[in-house]
């Protein structure tokens, strides 16, 4: 296909939080995959990214889906639910219904859906067993909704035990670092039928130290709790980094 228009919607996972560039911007798997797609296909593609950190699954659908479809894409990627899982009394079936809505609208618009599951941080986080259980249940609920849809491009990261290891995660243990985002980008290209650079699967990744014990709770858990108590989000006031098409030419 020579005319590829790829738009990504989602939360911090798709925005690219954790993969920080020297100038302070974030990159992330979608940026990496867009360039890799152009390189592998040998032609320029158009790319947009409407993802904003901190968004719940249904907020992504309600705020980003229609603007994304209005761009008339050929491909749309969607991931969500990671922020929902961290909240008590989360209705996982209701979250999975958001994936059904995205698929239905993509069908109506003739857009190919690229569906991603998030990477699994459970082994490194407080309440990890709860996160593991909810992530397993959400993954199963989403997969039931696309069981008879082989046309949906699947880039499933939750079952990836290698990606769950600490070398692929940033200091907050909740967001992937550059190595993690490259591995997800490799999975996306592979799902699209292209061969990603081999080093994307296992880049030279070293464990990130960062705060431990009480220092970790003060630096990373405390701010998250305060946002929950004040009903604020890390994405409040932020704009999408690529709300309209940018070109990615092959290198």
Foldseek 3Di string as FASTA:
>chain_A
DQEAAEEEFEACQQLAPQAADPVGHGQFQQNVLQLQVQQQVVWKYKYFYFYYHFDAQVCRLVPPLVLVVVLVGQEYEDEHDPNQLVDPPRDLLVSLVSVVVSVVVCVVSNHAYAYEYDAQLLVPDVVSVSSLVSSVVNVVSNCVSCVPPPSHQYQYRHVPPVLNDQLQPHQLSSYGYPLSRLLSSQSSCVSVPGHGPPCSNPPPTDHDDHDDDPVSCVPHVVVVVVCVVVVHGPRPPPGGPGSHIDMRHHD
